[in-house]
């Protein structure tokens, strides 16, 4: 039977700072802000230099992946012109926290 410590984690290719800068400079508004957050998320992954699998590393990568998927979903909504809906949903969420 294979032990967890014998497995190696395979991480996705991480864009360079120059690639992020080029992408971010072409955007504006909420889409730009979301892409900046996305770049910061990938920067966290760049600091992940241990490839041996542990339960903690798998858990961290699981949370990281879920966050990136949420950001990708928001970016897709921006590209489809749903930013108005996202803004209203965010505002309603903020108001409900105050009450």
C-alpha atoms as a PDB file:
ATOM      1  CA  UNK A   1       0.000   0.000   0.000  1.00  0.00           C
ATOM      2  CA  UNK A   2       1.256   3.481  -0.870  1.00  0.00           C
ATOM      3  CA  UNK A   3       1.911   5.837   2.045  1.00  0.00           C
ATOM      4  CA  UNK A   4       0.791   9.450   1.904  1.00  0.00           C
ATOM      5  CA  UNK A   5       4.355  10.664   2.471  1.00  0.00           C
ATOM      6  CA  UNK A   6       5.483   8.786  -0.648  1.00  0.00           C
ATOM      7  CA  UNK A   7       3.186  10.825  -2.894  1.00  0.00           C
ATOM      8  CA  UNK A   8       4.283  14.036  -4.586  1.00  0.00           C
ATOM      9  CA  UNK A   9       2.012  17.046  -5.060  1.00  0.00           C
ATOM     10  CA  UNK A  10       1.771  18.439  -8.593  1.00  0.00           C
ATOM     11  CA  UNK A  11       1.006  22.158  -8.678  1.00  0.00           C
ATOM     12  CA  UNK A  12      -0.320  24.153 -11.653  1.00  0.00           C
ATOM     13  CA  UNK A  13       1.912  26.514 -13.624  1.00  0.00           C
ATOM     14  CA  UNK A  14       2.038  29.886 -11.918  1.00  0.00           C
ATOM     15  CA  UNK A  15       2.056  33.030 -14.104  1.00  0.00           C
ATOM     16  CA  UNK A  16       5.049  35.323 -13.699  1.00  0.00           C
ATOM     17  CA  UNK A  17       4.767  38.815 -12.210  1.00  0.00           C
ATOM     18  CA  UNK A  18       5.190  40.238 -15.710  1.00  0.00           C
ATOM     19  CA  UNK A  19       2.329  38.093 -17.052  1.00  0.00           C
ATOM     20  CA  UNK A  20       0.069  39.244 -14.186  1.00  0.00           C
ATOM     21  CA  UNK A  21       1.004  42.876 -14.773  1.00  0.00           C
ATOM     22  CA  UNK A  22       0.150  42.589 -18.480  1.00  0.00           C
ATOM     23  CA  UNK A  23      -3.246  41.032 -17.746  1.00  0.00           C
ATOM     24  CA  UNK A  24      -4.113  43.471 -14.929  1.00  0.00           C
ATOM     25  CA  UNK A  25      -3.157  46.541 -16.970  1.00  0.00           C
ATOM     26  CA  UNK A  26      -5.701  45.572 -19.655  1.00  0.00           C
ATOM     27  CA  UNK A  27      -8.608  45.474 -17.171  1.00  0.00           C
ATOM     28  CA  UNK A  28     -10.619  48.043 -15.261  1.00  0.00           C
ATOM     29  CA  UNK A  29     -13.149  48.298 -12.457  1.00  0.00           C
ATOM     30  CA  UNK A  30     -14.280  45.291 -10.438  1.00  0.00           C
ATOM     31  CA  UNK A  31     -12.799  42.855 -12.945  1.00  0.00           C
ATOM     32  CA  UNK A  32      -9.380  44.433 -12.392  1.00  0.00           C
ATOM     33  CA  UNK A  33      -9.785  44.270  -8.614  1.00  0.00           C
ATOM     34  CA  UNK A  34     -10.802  40.600  -8.759  1.00  0.00           C
ATOM     35  CA  UNK A  35      -7.811  39.808 -10.966  1.00  0.00           C
ATOM     36  CA  UNK A  36      -5.466  41.515  -8.502  1.00  0.00           C
ATOM     37  CA  UNK A  37      -6.862  39.272  -5.751  1.00  0.00           C
ATOM     38  CA  UNK A  38      -6.461  36.272  -8.046  1.00  0.00           C
ATOM     39  CA  UNK A  39      -2.805  37.186  -8.645  1.00  0.00           C
ATOM     40  CA  UNK A  40      -2.250  37.405  -4.884  1.00  0.00           C
ATOM     41  CA  UNK A  41      -3.815  33.963  -4.502  1.00  0.00           C
ATOM     42  CA  UNK A  42      -1.440  32.508  -7.041  1.00  0.00           C
ATOM     43  CA  UNK A  43       1.443  34.233  -5.259  1.00  0.00           C
ATOM     44  CA  UNK A  44       0.519  32.229  -2.160  1.00  0.00           C
ATOM     45  CA  UNK A  45       0.845  29.072  -4.209  1.00  0.00           C
ATOM     46  CA  UNK A  46       4.240  30.187  -5.532  1.00  0.00           C
ATOM     47  CA  UNK A  47       5.550  30.129  -1.959  1.00  0.00           C
ATOM     48  CA  UNK A  48       4.418  26.503  -1.630  1.00  0.00           C
ATOM     49  CA  UNK A  49       7.694  24.716  -2.294  1.00  0.00           C
ATOM     50  CA  UNK A  50       7.208  21.406  -0.498  1.00  0.00           C
ATOM     51  CA  UNK A  51       6.100  18.646  -2.826  1.00  0.00           C
ATOM     52  CA  UNK A  52       5.643  15.775  -0.345  1.00  0.00           C
ATOM     53  CA  UNK A  53       2.005  15.098   0.421  1.00  0.00           C
ATOM     54  CA  UNK A  54       0.757  15.530   3.988  1.00  0.00           C
ATOM     55  CA  UNK A  55      -2.765  15.912   5.315  1.00  0.00           C
ATOM     56  CA  UNK A  56      -2.051  19.555   6.190  1.00  0.00           C
ATOM     57  CA  UNK A  57      -0.724  20.375   2.711  1.00  0.00           C
ATOM     58  CA  UNK A  58      -3.639  18.642   1.026  1.00  0.00           C
ATOM     59  CA  UNK A  59      -6.057  20.569   3.278  1.00  0.00           C
ATOM     60  CA  UNK A  60      -4.347  23.883   2.498  1.00  0.00           C
ATOM     61  CA  UNK A  61      -4.396  23.168  -1.233  1.00  0.00           C
ATOM     62  CA  UNK A  62      -8.072  22.223  -0.984  1.00  0.00           C
ATOM     63  CA  UNK A  63      -8.927  25.595   0.587  1.00  0.00           C
ATOM     64  CA  UNK A  64      -6.714  27.404  -1.929  1.00  0.00           C
ATOM     65  CA  UNK A  65      -8.415  25.647  -4.853  1.00  0.00           C
ATOM     66  CA  UNK A  66     -11.910  26.492  -3.569  1.00  0.00           C
ATOM     67  CA  UNK A  67     -10.943  30.149  -3.222  1.00  0.00           C
ATOM     68  CA  UNK A  68      -9.503  30.253  -6.742  1.00  0.00           C
ATOM     69  CA  UNK A  69     -12.657  28.614  -8.139  1.00  0.00           C
ATOM     70  CA  UNK A  70     -14.783  31.301  -6.440  1.00  0.00           C
ATOM     71  CA  UNK A  71     -12.598  34.027  -7.965  1.00  0.00           C
ATOM     72  CA  UNK A  72     -12.744  32.375 -11.388  1.00  0.00           C
ATOM     73  CA  UNK A  73     -16.535  32.283 -11.111  1.00  0.00           C
ATOM     74  CA  UNK A  74     -16.630  35.992 -10.274  1.00  0.00           C
ATOM     75  CA  UNK A  75     -14.340  36.772 -13.208  1.00  0.00           C
ATOM     76  CA  UNK A  76     -16.580  34.762 -15.530  1.00  0.00           C
ATOM     77  CA  UNK A  77     -19.565  36.749 -14.300  1.00  0.00           C
ATOM     78  CA  UNK A  78     -17.735  40.020 -15.013  1.00  0.00           C
ATOM     79  CA  UNK A  79     -16.937  38.852 -18.535  1.00  0.00           C
ATOM     80  CA  UNK A  80     -20.584  37.981 -19.116  1.00  0.00           C
ATOM     81  CA  UNK A  81     -21.697  41.422 -17.986  1.00  0.00           C
ATOM     82  CA  UNK A  82     -23.142  40.285 -14.683  1.00  0.00           C
ATOM     83  CA  UNK A  83     -21.076  42.719 -12.617  1.00  0.00           C
ATOM     84  CA  UNK A  84     -24.220  44.707 -11.751  1.00  0.00           C
ATOM     85  CA  UNK A  85     -25.765  41.565 -10.232  1.00  0.00           C
ATOM     86  CA  UNK A  86     -22.571  40.776  -8.323  1.00  0.00           C
ATOM     87  CA  UNK A  87     -22.372  44.327  -6.981  1.00  0.00           C
ATOM     88  CA  UNK A  88     -25.995  44.234  -5.794  1.00  0.00           C
ATOM     89  CA  UNK A  89     -25.498  40.810  -4.200  1.00  0.00           C
ATOM     90  CA  UNK A  90     -22.391  42.060  -2.402  1.00  0.00           C
ATOM     91  CA  UNK A  91     -24.217  45.188  -1.196  1.00  0.00           C
ATOM     92  CA  UNK A  92     -27.185  43.149   0.050  1.00  0.00           C
ATOM     93  CA  UNK A  93     -24.794  40.817   1.873  1.00  0.00           C
ATOM     94  CA  UNK A  94     -23.082  43.764   3.571  1.00  0.00           C
ATOM     95  CA  UNK A  95     -26.420  45.273   4.620  1.00  0.00           C
ATOM     96  CA  UNK A  96     -27.625  41.955   6.052  1.00  0.00           C
ATOM     97  CA  UNK A  97     -24.474  41.770   8.198  1.00  0.00           C
ATOM     98  CA  UNK A  98     -25.310  45.128   9.743  1.00  0.00           C
ATOM     99  CA  UNK A  99     -28.795  44.066  10.812  1.00  0.00           C
END
